[in-house]
Every structure is written in C-alpha cells, then in structure tokens.
C-alpha cells in the first residue's frame, strides 16, 4: 500500500464511519462511486479497492450498490489536511 493509502486507512478505520446507522444519514447528500471519485481526485477503481480492503468503506443501498456521503467527504478531507 502506498503512503496516502496508509494514512487514509489509519484515520478512517479509527472513525468506523461505515458503522454509523442509516439514521445518521439524514440531511446528507449522497454520491455514486463515480461522483465521489471525481470529487476527491482518485479513480473509481481506487475507491472500489479501498472499499474492498476496508480502508475507506462505502455505505450500501438495499440493492447492494455502494454510495458515499458528505460525511465521507469530510473524513477524507480531515485525513489529508495539513
């Protein structure tokens, strides 16, 4: 894993963002993998890999389709702020 992935992994894993209840998602905008990848400047495949490895886990719709929220964006920004 590269350094950015390691930093992201340690920060995000400690917050357990993916374990928040669906109730906490009220009033948050959600984004598809494509949209979120564009927002943070990584590829869709990178997000999919991070999700699979538990580095940066997406929420799942009842259909199983992954999505990200504004909370994910905030956590990503915290992990890479200087």
PDB file of N, CA and C in Angstrom:
ATOM      1  N   UNK A   1       0.830  -1.178   0.000  1.00  0.00           N
ATOM      2  CA  UNK A   1       0.000   0.000   0.000  1.00  0.00           C
ATOM      3  C   UNK A   1       0.881   1.251   0.000  1.00  0.00           C
ATOM      4  N   UNK A   2       0.462   2.280  -0.698  1.00  0.00           N
ATOM      5  CA  UNK A   2       1.257   3.495  -0.722  1.00  0.00           C
ATOM      6  C   UNK A   2       0.995   4.338   0.523  1.00  0.00           C
ATOM      7  N   UNK A   3       1.774   5.385   0.691  1.00  0.00           N
ATOM      8  CA  UNK A   3       1.696   6.215   1.891  1.00  0.00           C
ATOM      9  C   UNK A   3       0.329   6.857   2.058  1.00  0.00           C
ATOM     10  N   UNK A   4      -0.247   7.372   0.966  1.00  0.00           N
ATOM     11  CA  UNK A   4      -1.568   8.002   1.054  1.00  0.00           C
ATOM     12  C   UNK A   4      -2.604   6.995   1.534  1.00  0.00           C
ATOM     13  N   UNK A   5      -2.551   5.798   1.010  1.00  0.00           N
ATOM     14  CA  UNK A   5      -3.491   4.757   1.434  1.00  0.00           C
ATOM     15  C   UNK A   5      -3.292   4.400   2.895  1.00  0.00           C
ATOM     16  N   UNK A   6      -2.062   4.338   3.340  1.00  0.00           N
ATOM     17  CA  UNK A   6      -1.786   4.027   4.744  1.00  0.00           C
ATOM     18  C   UNK A   6      -2.337   5.098   5.667  1.00  0.00           C
ATOM     19  N   UNK A   7      -2.121   6.371   5.312  1.00  0.00           N
ATOM     20  CA  UNK A   7      -2.643   7.468   6.129  1.00  0.00           C
ATOM     21  C   UNK A   7      -4.152   7.425   6.168  1.00  0.00           C
ATOM     22  N   UNK A   8      -4.750   7.226   4.999  1.00  0.00           N
ATOM     23  CA  UNK A   8      -6.198   7.178   4.927  1.00  0.00           C
ATOM     24  C   UNK A   8      -6.732   5.992   5.716  1.00  0.00           C
ATOM     25  N   UNK A   9      -6.092   4.850   5.581  1.00  0.00           N
ATOM     26  CA  UNK A   9      -6.516   3.646   6.285  1.00  0.00           C
ATOM     27  C   UNK A   9      -6.514   3.860   7.799  1.00  0.00           C
ATOM     28  N   UNK A  10      -5.446   4.407   8.328  1.00  0.00           N
ATOM     29  CA  UNK A  10      -5.367   4.562   9.780  1.00  0.00           C
ATOM     30  C   UNK A  10      -6.374   5.579  10.300  1.00  0.00           C
ATOM     31  N   UNK A  11      -6.584   6.651   9.560  1.00  0.00           N
ATOM     32  CA  UNK A  11      -7.537   7.664  10.014  1.00  0.00           C
ATOM     33  C   UNK A  11      -8.979   7.181   9.894  1.00  0.00           C
ATOM     34  N   UNK A  12      -9.339   6.660   8.746  1.00  0.00           N
ATOM     35  CA  UNK A  12     -10.720   6.261   8.503  1.00  0.00           C
ATOM     36  C   UNK A  12     -11.101   5.042   9.336  1.00  0.00           C
ATOM     37  N   UNK A  13     -10.218   4.095   9.433  1.00  0.00           N
ATOM     38  CA  UNK A  13     -10.528   2.895  10.216  1.00  0.00           C
ATOM     39  C   UNK A  13     -10.824   3.257  11.667  1.00  0.00           C
ATOM     40  N   UNK A  14     -10.121   4.246  12.186  1.00  0.00           N
ATOM     41  CA  UNK A  14     -10.328   4.617  13.588  1.00  0.00           C
ATOM     42  C   UNK A  14     -11.673   5.293  13.813  1.00  0.00           C
ATOM     43  N   UNK A  15     -12.232   5.893  12.790  1.00  0.00           N
ATOM     44  CA  UNK A  15     -13.517   6.581  12.965  1.00  0.00           C
ATOM     45  C   UNK A  15     -14.706   5.641  12.830  1.00  0.00           C
ATOM     46  N   UNK A  16     -14.495   4.481  12.197  1.00  0.00           N
ATOM     47  CA  UNK A  16     -15.553   3.489  11.987  1.00  0.00           C
ATOM     48  C   UNK A  16     -16.767   4.127  11.314  1.00  0.00           C
ATOM     49  N   UNK A  17     -16.480   4.978  10.330  1.00  0.00           N
ATOM     50  CA  UNK A  17     -17.523   5.703   9.628  1.00  0.00           C
ATOM     51  C   UNK A  17     -18.553   4.777   9.008  1.00  0.00           C
ATOM     52  N   UNK A  18     -18.126   3.674   8.477  1.00  0.00           N
ATOM     53  CA  UNK A  18     -19.046   2.769   7.796  1.00  0.00           C
ATOM     54  C   UNK A  18     -20.022   2.099   8.741  1.00  0.00           C
ATOM     55  N   UNK A  19     -19.785   2.176  10.053  1.00  0.00           N
ATOM     56  CA  UNK A  19     -20.663   1.528  11.010  1.00  0.00           C
ATOM     57  C   UNK A  19     -21.758   2.440  11.558  1.00  0.00           C
ATOM     58  N   UNK A  20     -21.804   3.687  11.091  1.00  0.00           N
ATOM     59  CA  UNK A  20     -22.872   4.588  11.544  1.00  0.00           C
ATOM     60  C   UNK A  20     -24.207   4.059  11.059  1.00  0.00           C
ATOM     61  N   UNK A  21     -25.233   4.315  11.821  1.00  0.00           N
ATOM     62  CA  UNK A  21     -26.561   3.845  11.439  1.00  0.00           C
ATOM     63  C   UNK A  21     -27.111   4.663  10.291  1.00  0.00           C
ATOM     64  N   UNK A  22     -28.061   4.077   9.573  1.00  0.00           N
ATOM     65  CA  UNK A  22     -28.706   4.787   8.470  1.00  0.00           C
ATOM     66  C   UNK A  22     -29.403   6.043   8.978  1.00  0.00           C
ATOM     67  N   UNK A  23     -29.826   6.083  10.224  1.00  0.00           N
ATOM     68  CA  UNK A  23     -30.491   7.261  10.763  1.00  0.00           C
ATOM     69  C   UNK A  23     -29.576   8.478  10.751  1.00  0.00           C
ATOM     70  N   UNK A  24     -28.299   8.268  10.900  1.00  0.00           N
ATOM     71  CA  UNK A  24     -27.371   9.392  10.920  1.00  0.00           C
ATOM     72  C   UNK A  24     -27.139   9.969   9.532  1.00  0.00           C
ATOM     73  N   UNK A  25     -27.689   9.333   8.501  1.00  0.00           N
ATOM     74  CA  UNK A  25     -27.504   9.810   7.138  1.00  0.00           C
ATOM     75  C   UNK A  25     -28.517  10.877   6.744  1.00  0.00           C
ATOM     76  N   UNK A  26     -29.486  11.145   7.615  1.00  0.00           N
ATOM     77  CA  UNK A  26     -30.486  12.164   7.303  1.00  0.00           C
ATOM     78  C   UNK A  26     -29.800  13.488   7.001  1.00  0.00           C
ATOM     79  N   UNK A  27     -30.341  14.183   6.015  1.00  0.00           N
ATOM     80  CA  UNK A  27     -29.854  15.502   5.619  1.00  0.00           C
ATOM     81  C   UNK A  27     -28.432  15.490   5.078  1.00  0.00           C
ATOM     82  N   UNK A  28     -27.951  14.373   4.615  1.00  0.00           N
ATOM     83  CA  UNK A  28     -26.644  14.309   3.977  1.00  0.00           C
ATOM     84  C   UNK A  28     -26.840  13.955   2.513  1.00  0.00           C
ATOM     85  N   UNK A  29     -26.096  14.639   1.669  1.00  0.00           N
ATOM     86  CA  UNK A  29     -26.157  14.329   0.254  1.00  0.00           C
ATOM     87  C   UNK A  29     -25.363  13.049   0.009  1.00  0.00           C
ATOM     88  N   UNK A  30     -25.827  12.243  -0.932  1.00  0.00           N
ATOM     89  CA  UNK A  30     -25.070  11.037  -1.251  1.00  0.00           C
ATOM     90  C   UNK A  30     -24.560  11.087  -2.684  1.00  0.00           C
ATOM     91  N   UNK A  31     -23.476  10.332  -2.916  1.00  0.00           N
ATOM     92  CA  UNK A  31     -22.756  10.358  -4.181  1.00  0.00           C
ATOM     93  C   UNK A  31     -22.450   8.941  -4.650  1.00  0.00           C
ATOM     94  N   UNK A  32     -22.524   8.739  -5.948  1.00  0.00           N
ATOM     95  CA  UNK A  32     -22.123   7.456  -6.526  1.00  0.00           C
ATOM     96  C   UNK A  32     -20.598   7.342  -6.453  1.00  0.00           C
ATOM     97  N   UNK A  33     -20.084   6.174  -6.744  1.00  0.00           N
ATOM     98  CA  UNK A  33     -18.634   5.987  -6.762  1.00  0.00           C
ATOM     99  C   UNK A  33     -18.003   6.940  -7.768  1.00  0.00           C
ATOM    100  N   UNK A  34     -18.581   7.044  -8.957  1.00  0.00           N
ATOM    101  CA  UNK A  34     -18.030   7.934  -9.989  1.00  0.00           C
ATOM    102  C   UNK A  34     -17.980   9.384  -9.510  1.00  0.00           C
ATOM    103  N   UNK A  35     -19.078   9.848  -8.926  1.00  0.00           N
ATOM    104  CA  UNK A  35     -19.138  11.232  -8.447  1.00  0.00           C
ATOM    105  C   UNK A  35     -18.117  11.478  -7.340  1.00  0.00           C
ATOM    106  N   UNK A  36     -18.052  10.556  -6.394  1.00  0.00           N
ATOM    107  CA  UNK A  36     -17.153  10.742  -5.258  1.00  0.00           C
ATOM    108  C   UNK A  36     -15.695  10.668  -5.692  1.00  0.00           C
ATOM    109  N   UNK A  37     -15.387   9.758  -6.597  1.00  0.00           N
ATOM    110  CA  UNK A  37     -14.012   9.653  -7.108  1.00  0.00           C
ATOM    111  C   UNK A  37     -13.584  10.968  -7.755  1.00  0.00           C
ATOM    112  N   UNK A  38     -14.468  11.560  -8.531  1.00  0.00           N
ATOM    113  CA  UNK A  38     -14.172  12.847  -9.161  1.00  0.00           C
ATOM    114  C   UNK A  38     -13.971  13.929  -8.104  1.00  0.00           C
ATOM    115  N   UNK A  39     -14.804  13.936  -7.088  1.00  0.00           N
ATOM    116  CA  UNK A  39     -14.714  14.950  -6.025  1.00  0.00           C
ATOM    117  C   UNK A  39     -13.362  14.923  -5.315  1.00  0.00           C
ATOM    118  N   UNK A  40     -12.857  13.726  -5.054  1.00  0.00           N
ATOM    119  CA  UNK A  40     -11.620  13.635  -4.266  1.00  0.00           C
ATOM    120  C   UNK A  40     -10.376  13.409  -5.127  1.00  0.00           C
ATOM    121  N   UNK A  41     -10.575  13.266  -6.431  1.00  0.00           N
ATOM    122  CA  UNK A  41      -9.427  13.178  -7.328  1.00  0.00           C
ATOM    123  C   UNK A  41      -8.731  11.835  -7.384  1.00  0.00           C
ATOM    124  N   UNK A  42      -9.489  10.754  -7.188  1.00  0.00           N
ATOM    125  CA  UNK A  42      -8.932   9.406  -7.354  1.00  0.00           C
ATOM    126  C   UNK A  42      -9.791   8.667  -8.372  1.00  0.00           C
ATOM    127  N   UNK A  43      -9.327   7.526  -8.812  1.00  0.00           N
ATOM    128  CA  UNK A  43     -10.096   6.757  -9.785  1.00  0.00           C
ATOM    129  C   UNK A  43     -11.199   5.950  -9.094  1.00  0.00           C
ATOM    130  N   UNK A  44     -12.172   5.576  -9.895  1.00  0.00           N
ATOM    131  CA  UNK A  44     -13.258   4.716  -9.401  1.00  0.00           C
ATOM    132  C   UNK A  44     -12.678   3.397  -8.883  1.00  0.00           C
ATOM    133  N   UNK A  45     -11.705   2.863  -9.596  1.00  0.00           N
ATOM    134  CA  UNK A  45     -11.082   1.592  -9.184  1.00  0.00           C
ATOM    135  C   UNK A  45     -10.374   1.730  -7.827  1.00  0.00           C
ATOM    136  N   UNK A  46      -9.776   2.879  -7.574  1.00  0.00           N
ATOM    137  CA  UNK A  46      -9.126   3.107  -6.285  1.00  0.00           C
ATOM    138  C   UNK A  46     -10.159   3.079  -5.162  1.00  0.00           C
ATOM    139  N   UNK A  47     -11.282   3.778  -5.367  1.00  0.00           N
ATOM    140  CA  UNK A  47     -12.340   3.754  -4.345  1.00  0.00           C
ATOM    141  C   UNK A  47     -12.866   2.342  -4.130  1.00  0.00           C
ATOM    142  N   UNK A  48     -13.059   1.611  -5.200  1.00  0.00           N
ATOM    143  CA  UNK A  48     -13.556   0.235  -5.082  1.00  0.00           C
ATOM    144  C   UNK A  48     -12.563  -0.628  -4.310  1.00  0.00           C
ATOM    145  N   UNK A  49     -11.268  -0.439  -4.579  1.00  0.00           N
ATOM    146  CA  UNK A  49     -10.231  -1.202  -3.874  1.00  0.00           C
ATOM    147  C   UNK A  49     -10.211  -0.827  -2.391  1.00  0.00           C
ATOM    148  N   UNK A  50     -10.268   0.488  -2.085  1.00  0.00           N
ATOM    149  CA  UNK A  50     -10.286   0.930  -0.690  1.00  0.00           C
ATOM    150  C   UNK A  50     -11.497   0.370   0.048  1.00  0.00           C
ATOM    151  N   UNK A  51     -12.642   0.327  -0.634  1.00  0.00           N
ATOM    152  CA  UNK A  51     -13.853  -0.223  -0.019  1.00  0.00           C
ATOM    153  C   UNK A  51     -13.662  -1.709   0.273  1.00  0.00           C
ATOM    154  N   UNK A  52     -13.163  -2.434  -0.702  1.00  0.00           N
ATOM    155  CA  UNK A  52     -12.963  -3.885  -0.544  1.00  0.00           C
ATOM    156  C   UNK A  52     -11.956  -4.188   0.566  1.00  0.00           C
ATOM    157  N   UNK A  53     -10.913  -3.375   0.685  1.00  0.00           N
ATOM    158  CA  UNK A  53      -9.874  -3.587   1.694  1.00  0.00           C
ATOM    159  C   UNK A  53     -10.251  -3.010   3.060  1.00  0.00           C
ATOM    160  N   UNK A  54     -11.383  -2.315   3.131  1.00  0.00           N
ATOM    161  CA  UNK A  54     -11.799  -1.722   4.398  1.00  0.00           C
ATOM    162  C   UNK A  54     -11.063  -0.442   4.740  1.00  0.00           C
ATOM    163  N   UNK A  55     -10.367   0.121   3.773  1.00  0.00           N
ATOM    164  CA  UNK A  55      -9.606   1.350   4.000  1.00  0.00           C
ATOM    165  C   UNK A  55     -10.543   2.556   4.082  1.00  0.00           C
ATOM    166  N   UNK A  56     -11.512   2.596   3.174  1.00  0.00           N
ATOM    167  CA  UNK A  56     -12.471   3.700   3.107  1.00  0.00           C
ATOM    168  C   UNK A  56     -13.787   3.110   2.625  1.00  0.00           C
ATOM    169  N   UNK A  57     -14.566   2.613   3.550  1.00  0.00           N
ATOM    170  CA  UNK A  57     -15.757   1.835   3.219  1.00  0.00           C
ATOM    171  C   UNK A  57     -16.947   2.708   2.851  1.00  0.00           C
ATOM    172  N   UNK A  58     -17.649   2.276   1.817  1.00  0.00           N
ATOM    173  CA  UNK A  58     -18.870   2.952   1.373  1.00  0.00           C
ATOM    174  C   UNK A  58     -20.060   2.396   2.138  1.00  0.00           C
ATOM    175  N   UNK A  59     -21.132   3.182   2.184  1.00  0.00           N
ATOM    176  CA  UNK A  59     -22.411   2.658   2.640  1.00  0.00           C
ATOM    177  C   UNK A  59     -23.005   1.863   1.490  1.00  0.00           C
ATOM    178  N   UNK A  60     -24.013   1.066   1.772  1.00  0.00           N
ATOM    179  CA  UNK A  60     -24.675   0.255   0.742  1.00  0.00           C
ATOM    180  C   UNK A  60     -26.159   0.555   0.721  1.00  0.00           C
ATOM    181  N   UNK A  61     -26.683   0.646  -0.473  1.00  0.00           N
ATOM    182  CA  UNK A  61     -28.127   0.769  -0.659  1.00  0.00           C
ATOM    183  C   UNK A  61     -28.728  -0.628  -0.465  1.00  0.00           C
ATOM    184  N   UNK A  62     -30.041  -0.730  -0.278  1.00  0.00           N
ATOM    185  CA  UNK A  62     -30.655  -2.051  -0.149  1.00  0.00           C
ATOM    186  C   UNK A  62     -30.331  -2.976  -1.335  1.00  0.00           C
ATOM    187  N   UNK A  63     -30.083  -2.387  -2.482  1.00  0.00           N
ATOM    188  CA  UNK A  63     -29.721  -3.169  -3.674  1.00  0.00           C
ATOM    189  C   UNK A  63     -28.285  -3.674  -3.608  1.00  0.00           C
ATOM    190  N   UNK A  64     -27.499  -3.181  -2.642  1.00  0.00           N
ATOM    191  CA  UNK A  64     -26.094  -3.559  -2.530  1.00  0.00           C
ATOM    192  C   UNK A  64     -25.156  -2.579  -3.207  1.00  0.00           C
ATOM    193  N   UNK A  65     -25.709  -1.605  -3.916  1.00  0.00           N
ATOM    194  CA  UNK A  65     -24.896  -0.620  -4.630  1.00  0.00           C
ATOM    195  C   UNK A  65     -24.247   0.339  -3.619  1.00  0.00           C
ATOM    196  N   UNK A  66     -22.937   0.566  -3.752  1.00  0.00           N
ATOM    197  CA  UNK A  66     -22.245   1.440  -2.800  1.00  0.00           C
ATOM    198  C   UNK A  66     -22.524   2.916  -3.075  1.00  0.00           C
ATOM    199  N   UNK A  67     -22.438   3.718  -2.012  1.00  0.00           N
ATOM    200  CA  UNK A  67     -22.521   5.163  -2.157  1.00  0.00           C
ATOM    201  C   UNK A  67     -21.754   5.830  -1.029  1.00  0.00           C
ATOM    202  N   UNK A  68     -21.417   7.077  -1.247  1.00  0.00           N
ATOM    203  CA  UNK A  68     -20.684   7.874  -0.272  1.00  0.00           C
ATOM    204  C   UNK A  68     -21.526   9.086   0.103  1.00  0.00           C
ATOM    205  N   UNK A  69     -21.217   9.701   1.247  1.00  0.00           N
ATOM    206  CA  UNK A  69     -21.986  10.843   1.728  1.00  0.00           C
ATOM    207  C   UNK A  69     -21.056  12.027   1.993  1.00  0.00           C
ATOM    208  N   UNK A  70     -21.663  13.130   2.366  1.00  0.00           N
ATOM    209  CA  UNK A  70     -20.870  14.295   2.739  1.00  0.00           C
ATOM    210  C   UNK A  70     -19.986  13.985   3.952  1.00  0.00           C
ATOM    211  N   UNK A  71     -20.425  13.091   4.812  1.00  0.00           N
ATOM    212  CA  UNK A  71     -19.596  12.693   5.960  1.00  0.00           C
ATOM    213  C   UNK A  71     -18.325  11.995   5.486  1.00  0.00           C
ATOM    214  N   UNK A  72     -18.427  11.157   4.465  1.00  0.00           N
ATOM    215  CA  UNK A  72     -17.235  10.522   3.888  1.00  0.00           C
ATOM    216  C   UNK A  72     -16.282  11.597   3.362  1.00  0.00           C
ATOM    217  N   UNK A  73     -16.847  12.583   2.680  1.00  0.00           N
ATOM    218  CA  UNK A  73     -16.022  13.663   2.123  1.00  0.00           C
ATOM    219  C   UNK A  73     -15.292  14.416   3.243  1.00  0.00           C
ATOM    220  N   UNK A  74     -16.007  14.718   4.308  1.00  0.00           N
ATOM    221  CA  UNK A  74     -15.393  15.410   5.443  1.00  0.00           C
ATOM    222  C   UNK A  74     -14.265  14.586   6.049  1.00  0.00           C
ATOM    223  N   UNK A  75     -14.482  13.292   6.196  1.00  0.00           N
ATOM    224  CA  UNK A  75     -13.447  12.407   6.756  1.00  0.00           C
ATOM    225  C   UNK A  75     -12.238  12.325   5.835  1.00  0.00           C
ATOM    226  N   UNK A  76     -12.479  12.272   4.536  1.00  0.00           N
ATOM    227  CA  UNK A  76     -11.374  12.233   3.579  1.00  0.00           C
ATOM    228  C   UNK A  76     -10.547  13.512   3.686  1.00  0.00           C
ATOM    229  N   UNK A  77     -11.225  14.646   3.754  1.00  0.00           N
ATOM    230  CA  UNK A  77     -10.525  15.930   3.865  1.00  0.00           C
ATOM    231  C   UNK A  77      -9.706  16.003   5.158  1.00  0.00           C
ATOM    232  N   UNK A  78     -10.260  15.512   6.262  1.00  0.00           N
ATOM    233  CA  UNK A  78      -9.526  15.512   7.528  1.00  0.00           C
ATOM    234  C   UNK A  78      -8.245  14.682   7.420  1.00  0.00           C
ATOM    235  N   UNK A  79      -8.355  13.552   6.750  1.00  0.00           N
ATOM    236  CA  UNK A  79      -7.208  12.648   6.628  1.00  0.00           C
ATOM    237  C   UNK A  79      -6.063  13.279   5.843  1.00  0.00           C
ATOM    238  N   UNK A  80      -6.378  14.189   4.952  1.00  0.00           N
ATOM    239  CA  UNK A  80      -5.345  14.775   4.112  1.00  0.00           C
ATOM    240  C   UNK A  80      -5.125  16.265   4.350  1.00  0.00           C
ATOM    241  N   UNK A  81      -5.705  16.815   5.414  1.00  0.00           N
ATOM    242  CA  UNK A  81      -5.455  18.231   5.711  1.00  0.00           C
ATOM    243  C   UNK A  81      -4.076  18.373   6.327  1.00  0.00           C
ATOM    244  N   UNK A  82      -3.515  19.537   6.149  1.00  0.00           N
ATOM    245  CA  UNK A  82      -2.147  19.753   6.655  1.00  0.00           C
ATOM    246  C   UNK A  82      -2.143  20.510   7.935  1.00  0.00           C
TER     247      UNK A  82
END
